[in-house]
N, C-alpha and C. Protein backbone atom coordinates (compact mmCIF):
# COMPACT_ATOMS: atom_id res chain seq x y z
N MET A 1 134.54 88.99 62.34
CA MET A 1 134.79 88.03 64.30
C MET A 1 136.68 87.00 64.68
N ARG A 2 137.06 86.69 62.91
CA ARG A 2 138.07 86.63 63.04
C ARG A 2 139.22 87.78 63.47
N THR A 3 139.23 88.92 63.42
CA THR A 3 139.88 90.38 62.90
C THR A 3 139.47 90.79 64.82
N HIS A 4 138.12 90.40 65.43
CA HIS A 4 137.67 91.41 66.99
C HIS A 4 138.52 89.60 67.86
N LEU A 5 139.07 88.64 67.68
CA LEU A 5 138.99 87.21 68.00
C LEU A 5 140.54 87.67 68.64
N ARG A 6 141.90 88.21 66.74
CA ARG A 6 143.15 88.30 66.83
C ARG A 6 143.30 89.90 68.47
N LEU A 7 142.42 90.81 68.31
CA LEU A 7 142.95 92.27 68.42
C LEU A 7 142.54 90.73 70.20
N ILE A 8 141.51 90.07 70.53
CA ILE A 8 141.15 90.16 72.07
C ILE A 8 142.64 89.56 72.38
N ILE A 9 143.30 88.47 72.01
CA ILE A 9 144.49 88.06 71.73
C ILE A 9 146.32 88.98 72.05
N SER A 10 145.56 89.91 70.30
CA SER A 10 146.75 91.05 71.11
C SER A 10 147.06 91.37 71.67
N ILE A 11 145.16 91.83 72.50
CA ILE A 11 145.23 92.60 73.55
C ILE A 11 146.14 91.87 76.27
N PHE A 12 145.42 89.92 75.40
CA PHE A 12 146.01 89.60 75.89
C PHE A 12 147.67 89.48 76.32
N CYS A 13 147.92 89.50 75.03
CA CYS A 13 149.35 88.70 75.20
C CYS A 13 149.91 90.10 75.38
N GLY A 14 149.78 91.47 75.37
CA GLY A 14 149.72 92.64 76.00
C GLY A 14 150.19 93.42 77.03
N LEU A 15 148.67 92.35 77.51
CA LEU A 15 148.77 92.30 79.17
C LEU A 15 149.78 92.19 79.64
N LEU A 16 149.89 90.19 79.47
CA LEU A 16 151.59 89.96 79.43
C LEU A 16 152.69 90.52 80.00
N PHE A 17 152.85 91.52 78.75
CA PHE A 17 153.51 92.84 78.95
C PHE A 17 153.43 94.30 79.36
N ALA A 18 151.98 94.26 79.71
CA ALA A 18 152.12 95.83 79.68
C ALA A 18 152.69 96.05 80.98
N GLY A 19 153.18 95.32 81.56
CA GLY A 19 153.56 95.94 83.34
C GLY A 19 154.89 96.65 83.54
N SER A 20 155.25 96.58 82.53
CA SER A 20 156.59 96.76 82.63
C SER A 20 157.09 97.52 80.91
N VAL A 21 156.01 97.70 80.20
CA VAL A 21 155.82 99.26 79.45
C VAL A 21 154.89 99.84 80.35
N LEU A 22 154.89 99.79 80.66
CA LEU A 22 153.30 101.21 81.40
C LEU A 22 153.37 101.43 82.61
N SER A 23 154.73 100.46 82.69
CA SER A 23 156.22 100.93 83.85
C SER A 23 156.45 102.03 83.60
N ALA A 24 157.37 102.33 82.70
CA ALA A 24 158.04 103.09 82.51
C ALA A 24 157.70 103.85 81.50
N GLN A 25 156.68 104.26 81.30
CA GLN A 25 155.57 105.28 81.16
C GLN A 25 154.86 105.98 82.65
N GLY A 26 155.06 105.52 84.08
CA GLY A 26 155.31 106.28 84.93
C GLY A 26 153.69 105.62 86.12
N VAL A 27 152.96 104.78 84.58
CA VAL A 27 151.82 104.32 84.58
C VAL A 27 151.83 102.49 85.04
N LEU A 28 150.78 102.80 86.04
CA LEU A 28 150.68 100.82 86.38
C LEU A 28 149.01 100.52 86.21
N PRO A 29 149.33 98.71 85.70
CA PRO A 29 147.85 98.00 85.36
C PRO A 29 147.17 98.14 87.29
N VAL A 30 145.95 98.05 87.03
CA VAL A 30 145.28 97.88 88.49
C VAL A 30 143.86 96.96 88.41
N ARG A 31 143.49 96.25 88.86
CA ARG A 31 142.59 95.68 88.46
C ARG A 31 141.25 95.35 89.96
N ARG A 32 140.24 95.31 90.38
CA ARG A 32 139.56 95.32 90.99
C ARG A 32 137.86 95.40 90.66
N ASP A 33 137.34 94.63 91.07
CA ASP A 33 136.93 93.54 91.11
C ASP A 33 136.28 92.81 88.97
N ASN A 34 137.27 92.21 88.66
CA ASN A 34 137.32 91.68 86.97
C ASN A 34 137.42 93.70 86.18
N ARG A 35 137.50 94.29 87.00
CA ARG A 35 138.07 95.49 86.12
C ARG A 35 139.09 95.39 86.00
N TRP A 36 139.61 96.60 85.09
CA TRP A 36 141.27 96.85 84.51
C TRP A 36 141.23 98.42 84.59
N GLY A 37 141.47 99.14 85.07
CA GLY A 37 142.24 100.40 85.35
C GLY A 37 144.00 100.81 85.06
N ILE A 38 143.80 102.12 84.92
CA ILE A 38 145.48 102.45 86.03
C ILE A 38 145.70 103.90 86.13
N ILE A 39 146.53 102.84 87.18
CA ILE A 39 146.64 103.99 88.04
C ILE A 39 148.62 104.84 88.47
N ASP A 40 149.35 105.68 88.53
CA ASP A 40 150.17 106.57 88.48
C ASP A 40 151.46 106.25 89.56
N GLN A 41 152.62 106.10 89.30
CA GLN A 41 153.70 105.83 90.87
C GLN A 41 152.86 105.69 92.21
N GLN A 42 152.46 107.14 92.05
CA GLN A 42 152.00 107.51 93.57
C GLN A 42 150.64 107.16 93.75
N GLY A 43 150.11 105.92 93.16
CA GLY A 43 149.00 106.10 93.64
C GLY A 43 147.27 105.76 92.95
N GLN A 44 147.55 107.26 91.72
CA GLN A 44 147.21 108.07 92.12
C GLN A 44 146.13 107.35 90.71
N ILE A 45 144.69 106.98 90.94
CA ILE A 45 143.83 106.52 89.98
C ILE A 45 143.62 107.74 88.51
N LEU A 46 143.86 106.63 86.88
CA LEU A 46 144.27 107.65 86.22
C LEU A 46 143.06 107.44 84.98
N ILE A 47 142.61 105.98 85.73
CA ILE A 47 141.46 105.13 84.42
C ILE A 47 140.90 104.50 85.41
N SER A 48 139.75 104.75 85.88
CA SER A 48 139.11 103.95 87.02
C SER A 48 139.05 102.65 86.43
N PRO A 49 139.20 101.87 87.44
CA PRO A 49 139.67 100.22 86.83
C PRO A 49 137.64 100.05 86.73
N GLN A 50 137.08 100.12 85.62
CA GLN A 50 136.27 100.20 84.99
C GLN A 50 135.98 99.37 83.14
N TYR A 51 136.98 98.32 82.93
CA TYR A 51 137.18 97.56 81.74
C TYR A 51 137.40 96.29 82.19
N GLU A 52 137.03 95.27 80.49
CA GLU A 52 137.25 94.70 81.13
C GLU A 52 138.91 94.21 80.82
N GLN A 53 139.16 94.65 79.73
CA GLN A 53 140.73 94.17 79.33
C GLN A 53 141.82 95.82 78.89
N LEU A 54 142.35 95.64 79.11
CA LEU A 54 143.17 96.66 78.71
C LEU A 54 145.02 96.37 77.62
N GLY A 55 145.24 96.89 76.28
CA GLY A 55 146.13 96.83 76.73
C GLY A 55 147.42 97.69 75.86
N TRP A 56 148.77 97.11 75.91
CA TRP A 56 149.64 98.83 75.11
C TRP A 56 150.15 98.14 73.85
N PRO A 57 149.82 98.73 72.61
CA PRO A 57 149.38 98.27 71.39
C PRO A 57 151.33 98.68 70.70
N GLY A 58 151.89 99.10 71.67
CA GLY A 58 153.33 99.21 71.01
C GLY A 58 154.08 100.09 69.98
N ALA A 59 153.79 99.91 69.59
CA ALA A 59 153.22 101.95 68.70
C ALA A 59 152.87 103.67 69.45
N GLY A 60 153.86 103.82 69.68
CA GLY A 60 153.45 105.22 70.63
C GLY A 60 153.12 104.79 72.08
N SER A 61 152.42 105.41 72.56
CA SER A 61 151.71 105.87 73.77
C SER A 61 150.58 105.24 74.18
N SER A 62 149.26 105.33 73.60
CA SER A 62 148.08 104.40 73.23
C SER A 62 147.74 103.40 74.02
N LEU A 63 146.54 103.63 74.83
CA LEU A 63 146.66 102.03 75.55
C LEU A 63 144.85 102.00 74.82
N VAL A 64 145.38 100.90 74.59
CA VAL A 64 143.44 100.23 74.07
C VAL A 64 143.00 99.39 75.18
N VAL A 65 141.87 100.43 75.23
CA VAL A 65 140.52 99.78 76.56
C VAL A 65 139.71 98.72 76.31
N GLN A 66 138.61 98.04 76.00
CA GLN A 66 138.05 96.98 75.77
C GLN A 66 136.98 96.95 77.04
N ASP A 67 135.57 97.58 76.35
CA ASP A 67 134.41 98.11 77.47
C ASP A 67 133.00 96.84 76.58
N GLY A 68 133.59 95.40 76.79
CA GLY A 68 132.19 94.47 75.61
C GLY A 68 132.34 93.96 74.70
N ASP A 69 132.00 94.30 73.77
CA ASP A 69 132.23 94.31 72.33
C ASP A 69 133.36 95.51 71.45
N THR A 70 133.67 96.73 72.35
CA THR A 70 133.36 97.48 71.32
C THR A 70 135.01 98.00 72.26
N LEU A 71 135.74 98.23 71.58
CA LEU A 71 137.44 99.49 72.21
C LEU A 71 136.93 100.95 72.19
N GLY A 72 138.12 101.53 72.78
CA GLY A 72 138.71 102.86 72.73
C GLY A 72 139.19 102.57 73.18
N LEU A 73 140.76 104.32 73.07
CA LEU A 73 141.45 104.66 73.48
C LEU A 73 142.00 105.60 74.47
N PHE A 74 142.97 105.55 75.11
CA PHE A 74 143.37 106.63 76.21
C PHE A 74 144.69 106.69 76.46
N SER A 75 145.23 107.94 76.65
CA SER A 75 146.55 108.11 76.86
C SER A 75 147.62 107.86 78.13
N PRO A 76 148.13 107.31 78.38
CA PRO A 76 148.43 107.54 79.63
C PRO A 76 148.02 108.16 80.86
N ASP A 77 148.23 109.31 80.21
CA ASP A 77 147.72 110.33 81.47
C ASP A 77 145.87 110.30 81.23
N GLY A 78 144.81 109.42 80.86
CA GLY A 78 143.79 108.79 81.13
C GLY A 78 143.09 109.68 80.99
N ARG A 79 143.13 109.97 79.55
CA ARG A 79 143.03 111.27 78.94
C ARG A 79 141.90 110.23 77.85
N ALA A 80 140.52 110.46 77.44
CA ALA A 80 139.86 109.58 76.02
C ALA A 80 140.46 110.15 74.64
N LEU A 81 140.77 109.21 73.65
CA LEU A 81 141.68 110.09 72.79
C LEU A 81 140.21 109.23 71.33
N LEU A 82 140.17 108.10 72.18
CA LEU A 82 139.22 107.14 71.55
C LEU A 82 137.83 106.86 71.84
N PRO A 83 136.94 107.70 71.73
CA PRO A 83 135.62 106.35 72.58
C PRO A 83 135.33 105.59 72.28
N THR A 84 134.93 104.03 73.57
CA THR A 84 135.01 103.17 73.15
C THR A 84 133.81 103.09 73.25
N ARG A 85 133.92 102.60 71.30
CA ARG A 85 132.70 102.16 70.72
C ARG A 85 133.17 101.83 69.64
N TYR A 86 134.34 101.79 68.94
CA TYR A 86 134.50 100.35 67.54
C TYR A 86 134.45 99.12 68.07
N GLU A 87 134.96 98.39 66.83
CA GLU A 87 134.98 97.18 66.52
C GLU A 87 136.90 96.70 67.09
N ASP A 88 137.33 97.08 65.88
CA ASP A 88 138.68 97.39 66.71
C ASP A 88 139.59 97.96 65.70
N ILE A 89 140.69 98.85 66.44
CA ILE A 89 141.40 99.90 66.84
C ILE A 89 142.64 99.80 66.60
N GLN A 90 143.93 100.17 65.93
CA GLN A 90 145.04 99.51 64.75
C GLN A 90 146.40 100.72 64.95
N VAL A 91 146.55 100.58 66.33
CA VAL A 91 147.62 102.36 66.13
C VAL A 91 148.69 102.15 65.01
N LEU A 92 148.11 103.61 63.82
CA LEU A 92 149.76 103.20 63.03
C LEU A 92 150.48 104.49 63.54
N ASP A 93 150.05 104.87 64.48
CA ASP A 93 151.91 106.14 64.19
C ASP A 93 151.58 106.93 66.20
N ASP A 94 151.84 107.04 66.58
CA ASP A 94 150.91 108.93 67.96
C ASP A 94 149.55 109.55 67.42
N SER A 95 149.59 109.89 66.01
CA SER A 95 148.33 110.06 66.37
C SER A 95 147.02 110.41 64.99
N LEU A 96 147.90 108.33 64.82
CA LEU A 96 146.97 108.21 64.03
C LEU A 96 146.40 106.86 63.72
N PHE A 97 145.19 106.55 63.59
CA PHE A 97 144.73 104.98 63.98
C PHE A 97 143.94 105.00 63.07
N ALA A 98 143.78 103.31 62.61
CA ALA A 98 142.55 102.44 61.51
C ALA A 98 141.68 102.35 62.82
N VAL A 99 140.38 102.85 62.17
CA VAL A 99 139.31 102.20 63.40
C VAL A 99 138.28 101.83 62.73
N LEU A 100 137.85 100.25 63.01
CA LEU A 100 136.62 99.33 62.61
C LEU A 100 135.43 99.43 62.98
N ASP A 101 134.66 101.12 62.53
CA ASP A 101 132.80 101.05 63.06
C ASP A 101 131.65 100.36 62.58
N ASP A 102 130.77 99.63 62.80
CA ASP A 102 130.19 99.11 61.84
C ASP A 102 130.54 98.10 60.82
N GLY A 103 131.66 97.13 60.99
CA GLY A 103 131.96 96.76 59.42
C GLY A 103 132.70 97.58 58.54
N LYS A 104 133.40 98.76 59.46
CA LYS A 104 133.97 99.55 57.81
C LYS A 104 135.02 99.96 58.78
N TRP A 105 136.73 100.17 57.48
CA TRP A 105 137.30 100.95 58.33
C TRP A 105 137.21 102.43 58.16
N THR A 106 137.75 103.55 59.00
CA THR A 106 138.56 104.65 58.78
C THR A 106 139.22 105.01 59.16
N VAL A 107 140.27 105.69 59.60
CA VAL A 107 142.09 106.00 59.61
C VAL A 107 141.57 107.44 60.72
N ARG A 108 141.53 108.15 61.25
CA ARG A 108 141.43 108.18 62.36
C ARG A 108 142.10 109.59 63.35
N TYR A 109 142.55 110.75 63.47
CA TYR A 109 143.28 111.55 64.33
C TYR A 109 142.92 111.85 65.82
N LEU A 110 144.39 112.18 66.92
CA LEU A 110 143.27 111.84 67.92
C LEU A 110 142.28 112.74 68.48
N ASP A 111 142.17 113.69 67.93
CA ASP A 111 140.77 114.57 67.83
C ASP A 111 139.75 113.23 67.47
N ASN A 112 139.36 112.20 66.68
CA ASN A 112 138.43 111.40 66.86
C ASN A 112 138.08 112.62 65.38
N ARG A 113 138.72 113.20 65.34
CA ARG A 113 138.74 113.83 62.99
C ARG A 113 139.00 112.69 62.40
N GLU A 114 137.88 112.31 61.56
CA GLU A 114 138.74 111.50 60.03
C GLU A 114 140.05 112.31 59.09
N GLY A 115 140.38 111.12 59.34
CA GLY A 115 141.42 111.30 58.74
C GLY A 115 141.86 111.05 56.85
N VAL A 116 140.91 109.75 56.37
CA VAL A 116 141.04 109.34 55.52
C VAL A 116 138.93 109.31 55.20
N ARG A 117 139.04 109.72 54.08
CA ARG A 117 137.78 108.69 53.65
C ARG A 117 137.68 107.82 53.96
N SER A 118 135.95 107.31 54.58
CA SER A 118 136.11 105.68 55.63
C SER A 118 134.46 104.83 54.48
N GLY A 119 135.05 103.97 55.43
CA GLY A 119 134.23 103.08 54.22
C GLY A 119 134.41 101.51 54.11
N TYR A 120 136.17 102.03 53.88
CA TYR A 120 136.95 100.64 52.88
C TYR A 120 137.10 99.27 54.19
N GLU A 121 136.42 98.49 53.45
CA GLU A 121 136.73 96.81 54.50
C GLU A 121 137.50 96.61 54.40
N GLN A 122 138.76 97.27 54.54
CA GLN A 122 140.27 96.86 54.53
C GLN A 122 141.00 97.46 54.72
N HIS A 123 141.92 96.78 55.66
CA HIS A 123 143.16 98.10 55.59
C HIS A 123 143.79 97.26 55.39
N ARG A 124 145.60 97.71 55.06
CA ARG A 124 147.24 97.40 55.34
C ARG A 124 148.04 98.25 55.95
N ARG A 125 149.21 98.05 56.83
CA ARG A 125 150.04 98.57 57.01
C ARG A 125 150.77 98.49 56.35
N LEU A 126 151.32 99.66 55.56
CA LEU A 126 152.86 99.62 54.32
C LEU A 126 153.97 99.21 55.05
N GLY A 127 154.02 100.19 56.67
CA GLY A 127 155.82 100.23 56.66
C GLY A 127 155.74 101.95 57.73
N ASP A 128 156.50 101.75 58.15
CA ASP A 128 156.37 103.01 59.10
C ASP A 128 155.33 103.57 59.41
N GLY A 129 154.47 102.91 60.76
CA GLY A 129 153.14 103.29 60.80
C GLY A 129 151.92 103.17 59.48
N TYR A 130 151.45 103.62 58.25
CA TYR A 130 151.27 103.47 57.54
C TYR A 130 151.24 102.75 56.49
């Protein structure tokens, strides 16, 4: 629960700065009926406004979305990178992510392949994304 609260706070803080970061990526956050999505600079919808929150974690170019108690990951062009089903997601670098699923951490690649054996109760970054 503490980790989940930390992530929600991180996403909220990310939203404060998301406009400028997303704008630099050529996309903008939009809100409709209290749901968030992403459009490009021409107004084309890339991610329809269906998520309670979204945030730019700062590492790489991935976008974390929240739907209820679950999180997912999208690219700026609207492609789903990781399904919206995880309890927590931490971006390690542009292609490697730590995900919390059923109370256990797993490291996954962009295509959702397992990168490191699953089942760890905790993980820590050592630096430079790992």
